[in-house]
């Protein structure tokens, strides 16, 4: 089988790292995009000859265009784009600085849009491709996350539009909405907060980054041919309304 190429944003740690490891195991040329140069370079080295790190601020249109030009120059074709990069700046709306709203939208929504735009141009030309956007169960609403929830709701809306626009070109676009996942971010939460969050899950457990990676892999597989415009929740059932 011809070697396939994937670009993963926010790839240096956590969920992005697990996704990168999954694609490497499936023999993809794996382009790791991040702004954490130390972690990104270390991961690329650990992944071996198919792991390649590129530093890029995805909210910068010029940098994103340069990223795609570089990848296409070196590898000729991009088969899969995984938009995983995202940040949080939590606060209740009456205390949230405007710059914290702008920054979250810039990275989580505009950055994803810029990456999708360049991928769409390339994939339409080749009449094939997969785009997987990492959204969040939080798009349904989380206290203190008016910026983050709005950004992820935007990602889901964008996913649906792109599925309509790109379907006839053989490009499938889907979203994955993680819930409570065991990442460096959640590990920093106090034990009592972690326990409360876990007890709100129907499964009474926290998901693993590999759970997200496995879902992304399925949606990216060339044998997955008739799924597009969908949001797949990987959240232990939390999205069905379970809570305490």
C-alpha atoms as a PDB file:
ATOM      1  CA  UNK A   1       0.000   0.000   0.000  1.00  0.00           C
ATOM      2  CA  UNK A   2       1.230   3.498  -0.817  1.00  0.00           C
ATOM      3  CA  UNK A   3       2.499   5.338   2.249  1.00  0.00           C
ATOM      4  CA  UNK A   4      -0.054   7.819   3.558  1.00  0.00           C
ATOM      5  CA  UNK A   5       0.683  11.192   5.168  1.00  0.00           C
ATOM      6  CA  UNK A   6      -1.098  12.770   8.136  1.00  0.00           C
ATOM      7  CA  UNK A   7      -0.780  16.230   9.686  1.00  0.00           C
ATOM      8  CA  UNK A   8      -1.680  16.453  13.384  1.00  0.00           C
ATOM      9  CA  UNK A   9      -1.888  19.793  15.190  1.00  0.00           C
ATOM     10  CA  UNK A  10      -1.272  20.054  18.914  1.00  0.00           C
ATOM     11  CA  UNK A  11       0.681  16.838  18.526  1.00  0.00           C
ATOM     12  CA  UNK A  12       3.424  17.184  21.145  1.00  0.00           C
ATOM     13  CA  UNK A  13       1.542  15.996  24.237  1.00  0.00           C
ATOM     14  CA  UNK A  14      -1.624  14.409  25.587  1.00  0.00           C
ATOM     15  CA  UNK A  15      -4.274  13.427  23.061  1.00  0.00           C
ATOM     16  CA  UNK A  16      -2.194  14.689  20.125  1.00  0.00           C
ATOM     17  CA  UNK A  17       0.725  12.505  21.149  1.00  0.00           C
ATOM     18  CA  UNK A  18      -1.507   9.424  21.369  1.00  0.00           C
ATOM     19  CA  UNK A  19      -2.931  10.168  17.921  1.00  0.00           C
ATOM     20  CA  UNK A  20       0.590  10.529  16.508  1.00  0.00           C
ATOM     21  CA  UNK A  21       1.682   7.232  18.035  1.00  0.00           C
ATOM     22  CA  UNK A  22      -1.379   5.519  16.547  1.00  0.00           C
ATOM     23  CA  UNK A  23      -0.649   6.782  13.034  1.00  0.00           C
ATOM     24  CA  UNK A  24       3.027   5.850  13.320  1.00  0.00           C
ATOM     25  CA  UNK A  25       1.957   2.311  14.273  1.00  0.00           C
ATOM     26  CA  UNK A  26      -0.129   2.296  11.086  1.00  0.00           C
ATOM     27  CA  UNK A  27       2.914   3.305   8.980  1.00  0.00           C
ATOM     28  CA  UNK A  28       1.828   6.839   8.172  1.00  0.00           C
ATOM     29  CA  UNK A  29       4.301   9.615   7.518  1.00  0.00           C
ATOM     30  CA  UNK A  30       3.306  11.664  10.540  1.00  0.00           C
ATOM     31  CA  UNK A  31       3.785  15.437  10.624  1.00  0.00           C
ATOM     32  CA  UNK A  32       3.636  16.773  14.171  1.00  0.00           C
ATOM     33  CA  UNK A  33       2.557  20.408  14.391  1.00  0.00           C
ATOM     34  CA  UNK A  34       2.928  22.325  17.653  1.00  0.00           C
ATOM     35  CA  UNK A  35       4.485  25.405  19.236  1.00  0.00           C
ATOM     36  CA  UNK A  36       6.204  23.419  21.999  1.00  0.00           C
ATOM     37  CA  UNK A  37       9.464  22.870  20.141  1.00  0.00           C
ATOM     38  CA  UNK A  38      11.163  20.858  22.873  1.00  0.00           C
ATOM     39  CA  UNK A  39       8.324  18.364  23.291  1.00  0.00           C
ATOM     40  CA  UNK A  40       7.609  18.229  19.560  1.00  0.00           C
ATOM     41  CA  UNK A  41      11.184  17.487  18.561  1.00  0.00           C
ATOM     42  CA  UNK A  42      11.528  14.896  21.321  1.00  0.00           C
ATOM     43  CA  UNK A  43       8.383  13.103  20.180  1.00  0.00           C
ATOM     44  CA  UNK A  44       9.427  13.152  16.513  1.00  0.00           C
ATOM     45  CA  UNK A  45      12.760  11.610  17.499  1.00  0.00           C
ATOM     46  CA  UNK A  46      11.031   8.941  19.576  1.00  0.00           C
ATOM     47  CA  UNK A  47       8.633   8.068  16.739  1.00  0.00           C
ATOM     48  CA  UNK A  48      11.462   7.290  14.341  1.00  0.00           C
ATOM     49  CA  UNK A  49      12.010   8.052  10.684  1.00  0.00           C
ATOM     50  CA  UNK A  50       8.302   8.595   9.893  1.00  0.00           C
ATOM     51  CA  UNK A  51       7.911  11.253  12.596  1.00  0.00           C
ATOM     52  CA  UNK A  52       8.520  14.866  11.533  1.00  0.00           C
ATOM     53  CA  UNK A  53       8.067  17.965  13.689  1.00  0.00           C
ATOM     54  CA  UNK A  54       7.101  21.378  12.293  1.00  0.00           C
ATOM     55  CA  UNK A  55       6.664  24.425  14.515  1.00  0.00           C
ATOM     56  CA  UNK A  56       3.614  26.451  13.478  1.00  0.00           C
ATOM     57  CA  UNK A  57       1.207  28.937  15.017  1.00  0.00           C
ATOM     58  CA  UNK A  58      -2.022  27.753  13.415  1.00  0.00           C
ATOM     59  CA  UNK A  59      -3.733  31.104  14.026  1.00  0.00           C
ATOM     60  CA  UNK A  60      -1.260  32.750  11.598  1.00  0.00           C
ATOM     61  CA  UNK A  61      -2.514  32.406   7.979  1.00  0.00           C
ATOM     62  CA  UNK A  62       0.967  32.881   6.491  1.00  0.00           C
ATOM     63  CA  UNK A  63       2.474  30.233   8.773  1.00  0.00           C
ATOM     64  CA  UNK A  64      -0.295  27.755   7.901  1.00  0.00           C
ATOM     65  CA  UNK A  65       0.227  28.246   4.158  1.00  0.00           C
ATOM     66  CA  UNK A  66       3.973  27.734   4.622  1.00  0.00           C
ATOM     67  CA  UNK A  67       3.302  24.572   6.619  1.00  0.00           C
ATOM     68  CA  UNK A  68       1.224  23.031   3.828  1.00  0.00           C
ATOM     69  CA  UNK A  69       3.727  24.091   1.176  1.00  0.00           C
ATOM     70  CA  UNK A  70       6.535  22.441   3.140  1.00  0.00           C
ATOM     71  CA  UNK A  71       4.640  19.202   3.705  1.00  0.00           C
ATOM     72  CA  UNK A  72       3.538  18.957   0.080  1.00  0.00           C
ATOM     73  CA  UNK A  73       7.068  19.725  -1.144  1.00  0.00           C
ATOM     74  CA  UNK A  74       8.541  16.936   0.980  1.00  0.00           C
ATOM     75  CA  UNK A  75       5.782  14.303   0.820  1.00  0.00           C
ATOM     76  CA  UNK A  76       3.747  15.287  -2.284  1.00  0.00           C
ATOM     77  CA  UNK A  77       0.356  14.425  -0.804  1.00  0.00           C
ATOM     78  CA  UNK A  78      -1.632  14.937   2.409  1.00  0.00           C
ATOM     79  CA  UNK A  79      -4.114  12.174   3.073  1.00  0.00           C
ATOM     80  CA  UNK A  80      -5.334  13.079   6.559  1.00  0.00           C
ATOM     81  CA  UNK A  81      -5.575  16.249   8.631  1.00  0.00           C
ATOM     82  CA  UNK A  82      -6.274  15.982  12.356  1.00  0.00           C
ATOM     83  CA  UNK A  83      -7.068  19.317  13.996  1.00  0.00           C
ATOM     84  CA  UNK A  84      -6.296  18.666  17.641  1.00  0.00           C
ATOM     85  CA  UNK A  85      -4.658  21.931  18.777  1.00  0.00           C
ATOM     86  CA  UNK A  86      -6.614  23.868  21.348  1.00  0.00           C
ATOM     87  CA  UNK A  87      -6.286  25.985  24.469  1.00  0.00           C
ATOM     88  CA  UNK A  88      -8.467  26.907  27.445  1.00  0.00           C
ATOM     89  CA  UNK A  89      -8.811  30.198  29.339  1.00  0.00           C
ATOM     90  CA  UNK A  90     -11.629  29.426  31.767  1.00  0.00           C
ATOM     91  CA  UNK A  91     -13.644  31.960  33.727  1.00  0.00           C
ATOM     92  CA  UNK A  92     -17.240  32.976  34.260  1.00  0.00           C
ATOM     93  CA  UNK A  93     -18.273  35.479  31.616  1.00  0.00           C
ATOM     94  CA  UNK A  94     -18.464  38.490  33.961  1.00  0.00           C
ATOM     95  CA  UNK A  95     -14.821  37.955  34.942  1.00  0.00           C
ATOM     96  CA  UNK A  96     -13.406  36.831  31.579  1.00  0.00           C
ATOM     97  CA  UNK A  97     -11.002  39.283  29.932  1.00  0.00           C
ATOM     98  CA  UNK A  98     -11.826  39.967  26.288  1.00  0.00           C
ATOM     99  CA  UNK A  99      -8.338  38.856  25.281  1.00  0.00           C
ATOM    100  CA  UNK A 100      -9.025  35.397  26.758  1.00  0.00           C
ATOM    101  CA  UNK A 101     -12.095  35.069  24.547  1.00  0.00           C
ATOM    102  CA  UNK A 102     -10.163  36.230  21.484  1.00  0.00           C
ATOM    103  CA  UNK A 103      -7.198  33.904  22.083  1.00  0.00           C
ATOM    104  CA  UNK A 104      -9.350  30.795  22.488  1.00  0.00           C
ATOM    105  CA  UNK A 105     -11.352  31.593  19.354  1.00  0.00           C
ATOM    106  CA  UNK A 106      -8.143  32.377  17.427  1.00  0.00           C
ATOM    107  CA  UNK A 107      -6.566  28.997  18.160  1.00  0.00           C
ATOM    108  CA  UNK A 108      -9.500  26.646  18.546  1.00  0.00           C
ATOM    109  CA  UNK A 109     -11.784  27.948  15.801  1.00  0.00           C
ATOM    110  CA  UNK A 110      -9.899  30.226  13.431  1.00  0.00           C
ATOM    111  CA  UNK A 111      -6.792  28.037  13.550  1.00  0.00           C
ATOM    112  CA  UNK A 112      -8.862  24.963  12.737  1.00  0.00           C
ATOM    113  CA  UNK A 113     -10.560  26.876   9.900  1.00  0.00           C
ATOM    114  CA  UNK A 114      -7.212  27.956   8.431  1.00  0.00           C
ATOM    115  CA  UNK A 115      -5.900  24.381   8.515  1.00  0.00           C
ATOM    116  CA  UNK A 116      -9.116  23.063   6.950  1.00  0.00           C
ATOM    117  CA  UNK A 117      -8.972  25.695   4.231  1.00  0.00           C
ATOM    118  CA  UNK A 118      -5.507  24.653   3.069  1.00  0.00           C
ATOM    119  CA  UNK A 119      -6.378  20.962   3.368  1.00  0.00           C
ATOM    120  CA  UNK A 120      -9.540  21.500   1.309  1.00  0.00           C
ATOM    121  CA  UNK A 121      -7.591  23.173  -1.496  1.00  0.00           C
ATOM    122  CA  UNK A 122      -5.147  20.268  -1.623  1.00  0.00           C
ATOM    123  CA  UNK A 123      -7.592  17.391  -1.103  1.00  0.00           C
ATOM    124  CA  UNK A 124     -10.115  18.651  -3.675  1.00  0.00           C
ATOM    125  CA  UNK A 125      -7.363  18.585  -6.261  1.00  0.00           C
ATOM    126  CA  UNK A 126      -6.540  14.969  -5.422  1.00  0.00           C
ATOM    127  CA  UNK A 127     -10.214  13.938  -5.056  1.00  0.00           C
ATOM    128  CA  UNK A 128      -9.583  12.198  -1.756  1.00  0.00           C
ATOM    129  CA  UNK A 129      -8.834  12.921   1.889  1.00  0.00           C
ATOM    130  CA  UNK A 130      -9.949  12.787   5.490  1.00  0.00           C
ATOM    131  CA  UNK A 131     -10.304  15.681   7.943  1.00  0.00           C
ATOM    132  CA  UNK A 132     -10.947  14.915  11.604  1.00  0.00           C
ATOM    133  CA  UNK A 133     -11.591  17.859  13.908  1.00  0.00           C
ATOM    134  CA  UNK A 134     -11.209  17.366  17.647  1.00  0.00           C
ATOM    135  CA  UNK A 135     -14.153  19.170  19.211  1.00  0.00           C
ATOM    136  CA  UNK A 136     -15.322  18.576  22.794  1.00  0.00           C
ATOM    137  CA  UNK A 137     -18.354  17.458  24.737  1.00  0.00           C
ATOM    138  CA  UNK A 138     -18.071  20.967  26.221  1.00  0.00           C
ATOM    139  CA  UNK A 139     -19.777  22.397  23.150  1.00  0.00           C
ATOM    140  CA  UNK A 140     -22.998  21.328  24.872  1.00  0.00           C
ATOM    141  CA  UNK A 141     -22.149  23.802  27.629  1.00  0.00           C
ATOM    142  CA  UNK A 142     -19.790  24.002  30.619  1.00  0.00           C
ATOM    143  CA  UNK A 143     -19.838  26.648  33.312  1.00  0.00           C
ATOM    144  CA  UNK A 144     -16.852  28.947  33.013  1.00  0.00           C
ATOM    145  CA  UNK A 145     -16.196  28.039  29.386  1.00  0.00           C
ATOM    146  CA  UNK A 146     -18.235  30.502  27.316  1.00  0.00           C
ATOM    147  CA  UNK A 147     -15.161  30.982  25.097  1.00  0.00           C
ATOM    148  CA  UNK A 148     -14.122  27.319  24.864  1.00  0.00           C
ATOM    149  CA  UNK A 149     -17.639  25.928  24.430  1.00  0.00           C
ATOM    150  CA  UNK A 150     -18.357  28.510  21.736  1.00  0.00           C
ATOM    151  CA  UNK A 151     -15.149  27.624  19.907  1.00  0.00           C
ATOM    152  CA  UNK A 152     -15.930  23.917  19.936  1.00  0.00           C
ATOM    153  CA  UNK A 153     -19.544  24.496  18.880  1.00  0.00           C
ATOM    154  CA  UNK A 154     -18.066  26.425  15.960  1.00  0.00           C
ATOM    155  CA  UNK A 155     -15.804  23.502  15.100  1.00  0.00           C
ATOM    156  CA  UNK A 156     -18.800  21.163  14.961  1.00  0.00           C
ATOM    157  CA  UNK A 157     -20.739  23.582  12.752  1.00  0.00           C
ATOM    158  CA  UNK A 158     -17.715  23.963  10.488  1.00  0.00           C
ATOM    159  CA  UNK A 159     -17.343  20.189  10.259  1.00  0.00           C
ATOM    160  CA  UNK A 160     -20.892  19.841   9.000  1.00  0.00           C
ATOM    161  CA  UNK A 161     -20.447  22.574   6.392  1.00  0.00           C
ATOM    162  CA  UNK A 162     -17.166  21.125   5.112  1.00  0.00           C
ATOM    163  CA  UNK A 163     -18.740  17.681   4.809  1.00  0.00           C
ATOM    164  CA  UNK A 164     -21.355  19.243   2.504  1.00  0.00           C
ATOM    165  CA  UNK A 165     -18.805  21.236   0.518  1.00  0.00           C
ATOM    166  CA  UNK A 166     -16.189  18.503   0.084  1.00  0.00           C
ATOM    167  CA  UNK A 167     -18.216  15.297  -0.126  1.00  0.00           C
ATOM    168  CA  UNK A 168     -18.452  15.241  -3.911  1.00  0.00           C
ATOM    169  CA  UNK A 169     -14.646  15.570  -4.066  1.00  0.00           C
ATOM    170  CA  UNK A 170     -14.155  12.362  -2.078  1.00  0.00           C
ATOM    171  CA  UNK A 171     -13.149  14.198   1.104  1.00  0.00           C
ATOM    172  CA  UNK A 172     -14.819  13.070   4.339  1.00  0.00           C
ATOM    173  CA  UNK A 173     -14.950  15.450   7.308  1.00  0.00           C
ATOM    174  CA  UNK A 174     -15.910  14.407  10.829  1.00  0.00           C
ATOM    175  CA  UNK A 175     -15.486  15.561  14.412  1.00  0.00           C
ATOM    176  CA  UNK A 176     -14.578  13.712  17.591  1.00  0.00           C
ATOM    177  CA  UNK A 177     -15.897  15.133  20.861  1.00  0.00           C
ATOM    178  CA  UNK A 178     -13.855  13.925  23.848  1.00  0.00           C
ATOM    179  CA  UNK A 179     -15.187  14.080  27.363  1.00  0.00           C
ATOM    180  CA  UNK A 180     -13.133  13.569  30.529  1.00  0.00           C
ATOM    181  CA  UNK A 181      -9.765  12.259  29.337  1.00  0.00           C
ATOM    182  CA  UNK A 182      -6.694  11.430  31.416  1.00  0.00           C
ATOM    183  CA  UNK A 183      -4.271  14.083  30.148  1.00  0.00           C
ATOM    184  CA  UNK A 184      -1.624  16.296  31.799  1.00  0.00           C
ATOM    185  CA  UNK A 185      -4.334  18.970  32.116  1.00  0.00           C
ATOM    186  CA  UNK A 186      -6.805  16.805  34.047  1.00  0.00           C
ATOM    187  CA  UNK A 187      -3.991  15.318  36.127  1.00  0.00           C
ATOM    188  CA  UNK A 188      -3.372  18.798  37.555  1.00  0.00           C
ATOM    189  CA  UNK A 189      -6.882  18.952  39.016  1.00  0.00           C
ATOM    190  CA  UNK A 190      -7.241  18.389  42.778  1.00  0.00           C
ATOM    191  CA  UNK A 191      -8.090  14.796  43.693  1.00  0.00           C
ATOM    192  CA  UNK A 192     -11.546  15.723  44.993  1.00  0.00           C
ATOM    193  CA  UNK A 193     -12.381  17.525  41.736  1.00  0.00           C
ATOM    194  CA  UNK A 194     -11.198  14.553  39.674  1.00  0.00           C
ATOM    195  CA  UNK A 195     -13.320  12.209  41.772  1.00  0.00           C
ATOM    196  CA  UNK A 196     -16.420  14.376  41.358  1.00  0.00           C
ATOM    197  CA  UNK A 197     -15.939  14.481  37.588  1.00  0.00           C
ATOM    198  CA  UNK A 198     -15.422  10.729  37.394  1.00  0.00           C
ATOM    199  CA  UNK A 199     -18.549  10.055  39.442  1.00  0.00           C
ATOM    200  CA  UNK A 200     -20.556  12.147  36.947  1.00  0.00           C
ATOM    201  CA  UNK A 201     -19.686   9.640  34.207  1.00  0.00           C
ATOM    202  CA  UNK A 202     -22.055   6.735  33.464  1.00  0.00           C
ATOM    203  CA  UNK A 203     -18.911   4.565  33.223  1.00  0.00           C
ATOM    204  CA  UNK A 204     -17.503   5.951  36.513  1.00  0.00           C
ATOM    205  CA  UNK A 205     -14.157   6.221  34.780  1.00  0.00           C
ATOM    206  CA  UNK A 206     -11.893   8.612  32.923  1.00  0.00           C
ATOM    207  CA  UNK A 207     -11.089   8.044  29.271  1.00  0.00           C
ATOM    208  CA  UNK A 208      -7.581   7.569  27.929  1.00  0.00           C
ATOM    209  CA  UNK A 209      -5.915   9.484  25.080  1.00  0.00           C
ATOM    210  CA  UNK A 210      -5.790   6.195  23.188  1.00  0.00           C
ATOM    211  CA  UNK A 211      -9.605   6.134  23.149  1.00  0.00           C
ATOM    212  CA  UNK A 212      -9.538   9.314  21.084  1.00  0.00           C
ATOM    213  CA  UNK A 213      -6.681   8.060  18.906  1.00  0.00           C
ATOM    214  CA  UNK A 214      -8.568   4.865  18.065  1.00  0.00           C
ATOM    215  CA  UNK A 215     -11.641   6.832  16.974  1.00  0.00           C
ATOM    216  CA  UNK A 216      -9.558   9.219  14.856  1.00  0.00           C
ATOM    217  CA  UNK A 217      -7.848   6.231  13.249  1.00  0.00           C
ATOM    218  CA  UNK A 218     -11.203   4.679  12.350  1.00  0.00           C
ATOM    219  CA  UNK A 219     -12.504   7.884  10.765  1.00  0.00           C
ATOM    220  CA  UNK A 220      -9.237   8.342   8.847  1.00  0.00           C
ATOM    221  CA  UNK A 221      -9.051   4.815   7.494  1.00  0.00           C
ATOM    222  CA  UNK A 222      -9.438   4.625   3.689  1.00  0.00           C
ATOM    223  CA  UNK A 223     -11.865   1.740   4.234  1.00  0.00           C
ATOM    224  CA  UNK A 224     -14.212   4.057   6.146  1.00  0.00           C
ATOM    225  CA  UNK A 225     -16.114   5.376   3.158  1.00  0.00           C
ATOM    226  CA  UNK A 226     -19.646   6.463   4.088  1.00  0.00           C
ATOM    227  CA  UNK A 227     -19.351   8.522   7.269  1.00  0.00           C
ATOM    228  CA  UNK A 228     -19.109  12.296   6.977  1.00  0.00           C
ATOM    229  CA  UNK A 229     -20.404  15.365   8.787  1.00  0.00           C
ATOM    230  CA  UNK A 230     -20.727  13.436  12.036  1.00  0.00           C
ATOM    231  CA  UNK A 231     -19.679  14.151  15.618  1.00  0.00           C
ATOM    232  CA  UNK A 232     -18.547  11.059  17.486  1.00  0.00           C
ATOM    233  CA  UNK A 233     -18.670  11.435  21.271  1.00  0.00           C
ATOM    234  CA  UNK A 234     -15.910   9.671  23.186  1.00  0.00           C
ATOM    235  CA  UNK A 235     -17.010  10.691  26.652  1.00  0.00           C
ATOM    236  CA  UNK A 236     -18.119   7.686  28.679  1.00  0.00           C
ATOM    237  CA  UNK A 237     -21.735   8.579  27.964  1.00  0.00           C
ATOM    238  CA  UNK A 238     -21.615  12.022  29.594  1.00  0.00           C
ATOM    239  CA  UNK A 239     -23.185  13.670  26.531  1.00  0.00           C
ATOM    240  CA  UNK A 240     -26.460  11.810  27.083  1.00  0.00           C
ATOM    241  CA  UNK A 241     -27.089  13.999  30.122  1.00  0.00           C
ATOM    242  CA  UNK A 242     -25.744  11.948  33.014  1.00  0.00           C
ATOM    243  CA  UNK A 243     -24.582  13.966  35.999  1.00  0.00           C
ATOM    244  CA  UNK A 244     -24.665  14.435  39.723  1.00  0.00           C
END
